[in-house]
Amino acid sequence: MTESDDVKKLMDVDWSTAWESLPEAPDLVPRGRTAQVTLRLPASLVDRVRRIGQVRDIPYHALVRSWLLDEDLLPMSSTGRDERQDAQVNVKLAQERLDDLKRQAAARREPYHRLARERIESGVAREESAYGIASKAQPTPTLQQLMVLLLHARGPSGSDAIRGMTRLQKLLFVIDQHLDSRSGFHAHNYGPFNESVNDAASALRIAGLIGDERSAGPPSFDEMIAHVERHSGPAERAPELFALTSAGHAAAERLRRSNRQFEQLFRQVSELRRDWDASDLNDLVVRVYEEYPEFAENSLIREDVAKWSKKPKP
């Protein structure tokens, strides 16, 4: 067999399935057991962390370290997100823990410094609620948190699962409008749309909070290709099912208990879902178009939706 035959044989093999089984490459330079992480945070957030440390009689660096390692803390945005990050906090972590944090951030497609800051914000809100510490900065739920609460709530049929990205988009839009959070929905080809909903769902699926129990952990090569195909076509080939795993429901319960505001928010989300989540998707779309006409201005299906609204109900 010639060298060209060997090359052709290698090129004809599908190596994608073997990629995930390859061992990690060794470090070129041996690393120490610990690493120092430098975080830039708003001064007001650091003050809140220190106050919690005083109340609990715990060094605030230890608090920050525990929050960075707590995977149960769902990311939270705060009203102080636009503040200048002019305070610096240095935290020492075991190198393996820092590697875990970076892998989790990579799976969420965000810098690990941002994930660290979001966990600190969520940890602060949880501790302030638990110890009755008043805070001027009230937490604002992220799309991921809203999605977890929505999928934890029961629809009119008694199911908590939501079938189809269109239904998920429209329900989150309604919740967004009632909260007056204006988190990025805009008039699109098929009504109100927010690309971040797709990203939030993908991040929760990768984290094992949405989907089949077997889907927990990093996606396989085939799963990544399937994800690309789902979002590259002009429309969904088949409705995608969005349902919390047992880990997702547990995360939703922890979120509810973390803060009285989130318990109140869950009740509001549950009520909105019972009111809006019609069994016929067309009925949901018609109602959204009628009550929020400004978000239907660019729709390519306005005439179809108008016909649906005039269709007699069985």
Protein backbone atom coordinates (compact mmCIF):
# COMPACT_ATOMS: atom_id res chain seq x y z
CA MET A 1 0.00 0.00 0.00
CA THR A 2 1.42 3.36 -1.02
CA GLU A 3 1.60 6.48 1.11
CA SER A 4 -1.20 8.08 -0.92
CA ASP A 5 -3.40 5.07 -0.20
CA ASP A 6 -2.73 5.50 3.53
CA VAL A 7 -3.66 9.18 3.34
CA LYS A 8 -6.86 8.41 1.42
CA LYS A 9 -7.80 5.76 3.97
CA LEU A 10 -7.35 8.24 6.81
CA MET A 11 -9.36 10.91 5.02
CA ASP A 12 -12.27 8.53 4.43
CA VAL A 13 -12.72 7.88 8.16
CA ASP A 14 -15.20 9.96 10.16
CA TRP A 15 -13.09 11.03 13.15
CA SER A 16 -15.78 13.19 14.77
CA THR A 17 -17.01 10.39 17.03
CA ALA A 18 -13.48 9.74 18.31
CA TRP A 19 -12.78 13.38 19.17
CA GLU A 20 -14.58 13.35 22.51
CA SER A 21 -12.74 10.21 23.65
CA LEU A 22 -9.28 11.72 23.17
CA PRO A 23 -7.39 12.47 26.40
CA GLU A 24 -6.72 16.03 27.47
CA ALA A 25 -3.42 17.42 26.24
CA PRO A 26 -0.84 17.73 29.03
CA ASP A 27 0.19 21.18 30.22
CA LEU A 28 3.29 22.54 28.57
CA VAL A 29 4.30 24.13 31.86
CA PRO A 30 3.38 22.52 35.19
CA ARG A 31 0.83 24.61 37.05
CA GLY A 32 0.57 25.33 40.73
CA ARG A 33 -2.17 23.89 42.91
CA THR A 34 -3.82 27.26 43.46
CA ALA A 35 -4.56 30.24 41.23
CA GLN A 36 -5.58 33.81 41.93
CA VAL A 37 -8.62 35.28 40.19
CA THR A 38 -8.85 39.07 39.94
CA LEU A 39 -12.40 40.37 39.53
CA ARG A 40 -13.52 43.90 38.72
CA LEU A 41 -16.84 44.66 40.42
CA PRO A 42 -19.02 47.70 41.13
CA ALA A 43 -18.03 49.26 44.44
CA SER A 44 -21.65 49.03 45.63
CA LEU A 45 -21.64 45.26 45.09
CA VAL A 46 -18.41 44.85 47.06
CA ASP A 47 -19.95 46.89 49.90
CA ARG A 48 -22.93 44.54 49.96
CA VAL A 49 -20.61 41.51 50.07
CA ARG A 50 -18.69 42.99 53.00
CA ARG A 51 -21.89 43.75 54.87
CA ILE A 52 -23.01 40.13 54.52
CA GLY A 53 -19.61 39.01 55.78
CA GLN A 54 -20.00 41.23 58.86
CA VAL A 55 -23.48 39.88 59.59
CA ARG A 56 -22.34 36.27 59.22
CA ASP A 57 -18.93 36.91 60.83
CA ILE A 58 -17.20 35.37 57.80
CA PRO A 59 -14.37 36.92 55.75
CA TYR A 60 -15.96 38.27 52.61
CA HIS A 61 -13.29 36.61 50.44
CA ALA A 62 -14.50 33.25 51.75
CA LEU A 63 -18.07 34.17 50.82
CA VAL A 64 -17.03 35.11 47.30
CA ARG A 65 -15.08 31.86 46.93
CA SER A 66 -18.07 29.78 48.02
CA TRP A 67 -20.36 31.54 45.53
CA LEU A 68 -17.93 31.04 42.66
CA LEU A 69 -18.00 27.29 43.30
CA ASP A 70 -21.77 27.07 43.76
CA GLU A 71 -23.18 25.72 40.48
CA ASP A 72 -26.72 25.97 41.88
CA LEU A 73 -26.62 29.78 41.70
CA LEU A 74 -28.45 30.80 38.54
CA PRO A 75 -26.94 33.89 36.89
CA MET A 76 -28.63 37.13 37.91
CA SER A 77 -28.48 40.60 36.42
CA SER A 78 -28.82 43.59 38.71
CA THR A 79 -29.93 47.15 38.35
CA GLY A 80 -26.30 48.11 38.92
CA ARG A 81 -25.04 46.40 35.77
CA ASP A 82 -24.25 49.78 34.22
CA GLU A 83 -22.20 50.89 37.23
CA ARG A 84 -18.49 51.40 36.85
CA GLN A 85 -16.59 48.30 37.90
CA ASP A 86 -14.02 50.26 39.84
CA ALA A 87 -13.45 47.89 42.78
CA GLN A 88 -11.07 44.95 42.69
CA VAL A 89 -11.42 41.64 44.53
CA ASN A 90 -8.70 38.98 44.52
CA VAL A 91 -9.79 35.41 45.25
CA LYS A 92 -7.63 32.30 45.50
CA LEU A 93 -9.06 29.08 44.07
CA ALA A 94 -7.76 25.58 43.63
CA GLN A 95 -6.55 25.28 40.05
CA GLU A 96 -9.01 22.46 39.37
CA ARG A 97 -11.92 24.61 40.60
CA LEU A 98 -10.85 27.48 38.37
CA ASP A 99 -10.69 25.08 35.41
CA ASP A 100 -14.25 23.94 36.26
CA LEU A 101 -15.44 27.56 36.33
CA LYS A 102 -13.86 28.23 32.94
CA ARG A 103 -15.43 25.11 31.42
CA GLN A 104 -18.86 26.09 32.74
CA ALA A 105 -18.45 29.60 31.33
CA ALA A 106 -17.34 28.19 27.95
CA ALA A 107 -20.43 25.97 27.87
CA ARG A 108 -22.54 29.10 28.44
CA ARG A 109 -20.58 30.98 25.76
CA GLU A 110 -19.49 33.79 28.04
CA PRO A 111 -16.20 34.92 29.67
CA TYR A 112 -15.58 33.24 33.00
CA HIS A 113 -15.13 36.63 34.70
CA ARG A 114 -18.72 37.48 33.76
CA LEU A 115 -20.03 34.15 35.08
CA ALA A 116 -18.11 34.77 38.31
CA ARG A 117 -19.63 38.26 38.66
CA GLU A 118 -23.15 36.93 37.98
CA ARG A 119 -22.76 34.23 40.64
CA ILE A 120 -21.61 36.82 43.15
CA GLU A 121 -24.67 38.96 42.36
CA SER A 122 -26.95 35.95 42.81
CA GLY A 123 -25.21 34.89 46.03
CA VAL A 124 -25.51 38.40 47.46
CA ALA A 125 -29.25 38.53 46.68
CA ARG A 126 -29.78 35.12 48.30
CA GLU A 127 -27.92 36.04 51.50
CA GLU A 128 -29.60 39.44 51.78
CA SER A 129 -32.99 37.74 51.57
CA ALA A 130 -32.06 35.01 54.06
CA TYR A 131 -30.71 37.43 56.68
CA GLY A 132 -33.20 40.23 56.10
CA ILE A 133 -30.56 42.66 54.87
CA ALA A 134 -32.11 45.56 52.98
CA SER A 135 -30.58 46.32 49.61
CA LYS A 136 -31.05 49.38 47.43
CA ALA A 137 -30.28 47.35 44.32
CA GLN A 138 -33.19 45.03 43.61
CA PRO A 139 -32.40 42.01 41.40
CA THR A 140 -33.80 41.89 37.89
CA PRO A 141 -34.45 38.38 36.54
CA THR A 142 -32.50 37.20 33.53
CA LEU A 143 -34.10 35.43 30.58
CA GLN A 144 -32.68 32.14 31.85
CA GLN A 145 -34.29 32.64 35.24
CA LEU A 146 -37.61 33.60 33.67
CA MET A 147 -37.44 30.55 31.41
CA VAL A 148 -36.77 28.24 34.37
CA LEU A 149 -39.70 29.71 36.30
CA LEU A 150 -41.97 29.53 33.23
CA LEU A 151 -41.15 25.85 32.64
CA HIS A 152 -41.63 25.15 36.35
CA ALA A 153 -45.16 26.57 36.19
CA ARG A 154 -48.14 24.54 35.01
CA GLY A 155 -50.06 25.46 31.89
CA PRO A 156 -53.86 25.27 31.56
CA SER A 157 -53.60 21.61 30.52
CA GLY A 158 -51.61 20.74 33.65
CA SER A 159 -48.33 20.19 31.79
CA ASP A 160 -45.19 22.19 32.50
CA ALA A 161 -43.49 21.42 29.16
CA ILE A 162 -43.70 23.86 26.25
CA ARG A 163 -43.60 22.57 22.68
CA GLY A 164 -42.09 24.80 20.03
CA MET A 165 -39.86 27.86 20.00
CA THR A 166 -42.73 30.05 18.76
CA ARG A 167 -44.83 29.31 21.86
CA LEU A 168 -41.81 29.80 24.14
CA GLN A 169 -40.94 33.13 22.49
CA LYS A 170 -44.50 34.45 22.73
CA LEU A 171 -45.00 33.45 26.38
CA LEU A 172 -41.68 34.98 27.45
CA PHE A 173 -42.60 38.12 25.50
CA VAL A 174 -45.90 38.42 27.39
CA ILE A 175 -44.10 37.97 30.71
CA ASP A 176 -41.50 40.53 29.66
CA GLN A 177 -44.22 43.06 28.82
CA HIS A 178 -46.03 42.57 32.13
CA LEU A 179 -42.76 42.97 34.04
CA ASP A 180 -41.96 46.05 31.95
CA SER A 181 -38.36 44.81 31.73
CA ARG A 182 -38.00 45.39 27.96
CA SER A 183 -35.22 42.82 27.70
CA GLY A 184 -34.69 42.84 23.94
CA PHE A 185 -37.88 41.79 22.15
CA HIS A 186 -38.47 43.58 18.87
CA ALA A 187 -40.85 43.44 15.90
CA HIS A 188 -39.65 40.64 13.62
CA ASN A 189 -40.87 38.67 10.61
CA TYR A 190 -43.24 36.63 12.76
CA GLY A 191 -44.08 39.07 15.53
CA PRO A 192 -42.17 39.80 18.74
CA PHE A 193 -38.81 38.02 18.79
CA ASN A 194 -35.66 37.96 20.89
CA GLU A 195 -32.61 36.00 19.72
CA SER A 196 -31.42 35.77 23.33
CA VAL A 197 -34.26 33.33 24.02
CA ASN A 198 -32.55 30.79 21.74
CA ASP A 199 -29.23 31.35 23.50
CA ALA A 200 -30.80 31.06 26.96
CA ALA A 201 -32.54 27.79 26.04
CA SER A 202 -29.30 26.37 24.62
CA ALA A 203 -27.36 27.34 27.76
CA LEU A 204 -29.96 25.70 30.03
CA ARG A 205 -29.98 22.57 27.86
CA ILE A 206 -26.18 22.35 27.98
CA ALA A 207 -26.29 22.79 31.77
CA GLY A 208 -28.68 19.84 32.01
CA LEU A 209 -31.63 21.91 33.28
CA ILE A 210 -33.70 21.51 30.10
CA GLY A 211 -34.24 18.35 28.11
CA ASP A 212 -33.91 14.62 28.54
CA GLU A 213 -32.06 13.51 31.69
CA ARG A 214 -29.49 11.88 29.41
CA SER A 215 -28.66 15.23 27.81
CA ALA A 216 -26.91 16.61 30.92
CA GLY A 217 -23.29 17.62 30.40
CA PRO A 218 -21.39 19.02 27.42
CA PRO A 219 -23.02 18.40 24.02
CA SER A 220 -21.70 15.71 21.70
CA PHE A 221 -20.59 16.48 18.16
CA ASP A 222 -23.92 15.22 16.77
CA GLU A 223 -25.88 17.38 19.26
CA MET A 224 -23.93 20.47 18.21
CA ILE A 225 -24.63 19.76 14.52
CA ALA A 226 -28.32 19.25 15.32
CA HIS A 227 -28.36 22.60 17.16
CA VAL A 228 -26.81 24.39 14.17
CA GLU A 229 -29.34 22.80 11.81
CA ARG A 230 -32.25 23.82 14.05
CA HIS A 231 -31.23 27.48 13.94
CA SER A 232 -29.92 27.73 10.35
CA GLY A 233 -33.12 26.94 8.44
CA PRO A 234 -35.93 29.37 7.61
CA ALA A 235 -38.24 27.64 10.10
CA GLU A 236 -38.35 24.77 12.56
CA ARG A 237 -38.70 21.37 10.90
CA ALA A 238 -40.42 19.94 13.97
CA PRO A 239 -41.49 21.62 17.21
CA GLU A 240 -38.75 21.41 19.82
CA LEU A 241 -39.80 20.33 23.30
CA PHE A 242 -38.75 22.51 26.23
CA ALA A 243 -39.11 20.79 29.60
CA LEU A 244 -37.14 20.98 32.83
CA THR A 245 -35.22 17.95 33.99
CA SER A 246 -35.38 16.97 37.66
CA ALA A 247 -32.26 19.11 38.13
CA GLY A 248 -34.07 21.99 36.42
CA HIS A 249 -37.09 21.73 38.71
CA ALA A 250 -34.78 21.61 41.73
CA ALA A 251 -33.02 24.75 40.47
CA ALA A 252 -36.39 26.47 40.07
CA GLU A 253 -37.33 25.62 43.66
CA ARG A 254 -34.01 26.97 44.92
CA LEU A 255 -34.58 30.14 42.94
CA ARG A 256 -38.04 30.56 44.48
CA ARG A 257 -36.64 30.14 47.99
CA SER A 258 -33.65 32.42 47.36
CA ASN A 259 -35.64 35.64 47.51
CA ARG A 260 -39.18 36.68 48.36
CA GLN A 261 -39.27 38.64 45.13
CA PHE A 262 -38.64 35.48 43.13
CA GLU A 263 -41.44 33.67 44.94
CA GLN A 264 -43.75 36.54 44.01
CA LEU A 265 -42.38 36.50 40.46
CA PHE A 266 -43.09 32.76 40.15
CA ARG A 267 -46.70 33.31 41.16
CA GLN A 268 -47.02 36.07 38.56
CA VAL A 269 -45.42 33.89 35.86
CA SER A 270 -47.73 30.99 36.76
CA GLU A 271 -50.80 33.21 36.51
CA LEU A 272 -49.71 34.62 33.15
CA ARG A 273 -49.07 31.16 31.76
CA ARG A 274 -52.50 29.89 32.86
CA ASP A 275 -54.08 32.94 31.22
CA TRP A 276 -52.10 33.03 27.95
CA ASP A 277 -50.90 29.50 27.14
CA ALA A 278 -53.77 28.52 24.82
CA SER A 279 -53.99 24.93 23.62
CA ASP A 280 -54.09 26.19 20.00
CA LEU A 281 -50.88 28.04 19.17
CA ASN A 282 -52.75 30.18 16.63
CA ASP A 283 -54.97 31.53 19.42
CA LEU A 284 -51.88 32.60 21.37
CA VAL A 285 -50.37 34.31 18.32
CA VAL A 286 -53.66 36.10 17.52
CA ARG A 287 -53.94 37.45 21.06
CA VAL A 288 -50.34 38.69 21.05
CA TYR A 289 -50.86 40.46 17.70
CA GLU A 290 -54.11 42.05 18.87
CA GLU A 291 -52.85 43.28 22.24
CA TYR A 292 -49.38 44.33 21.05
CA PRO A 293 -49.93 45.53 17.45
CA GLU A 294 -46.68 47.53 17.43
CA PHE A 295 -44.76 44.23 17.55
CA ALA A 296 -46.65 42.89 14.50
CA GLU A 297 -45.77 45.75 12.15
CA ASN A 298 -42.99 43.79 10.39
CA SER A 299 -44.76 40.45 10.40
CA LEU A 300 -44.95 38.47 7.17
CA ILE A 301 -48.03 36.58 8.36
CA ARG A 302 -50.28 39.45 9.45
CA GLU A 303 -52.95 38.51 6.91
CA ASP A 304 -52.92 34.88 8.04
CA VAL A 305 -53.20 35.92 11.67
CA ALA A 306 -56.14 38.18 10.80
CA LYS A 307 -57.89 35.17 9.23
CA TRP A 308 -57.21 33.05 12.31
CA SER A 309 -58.86 35.67 14.51
CA LYS A 310 -62.05 35.53 12.42
CA LYS A 311 -62.17 31.73 12.30
CA PRO A 312 -65.15 30.38 14.31
CA LYS A 313 -64.21 28.38 17.37
CA PRO A 314 -65.37 24.73 17.56
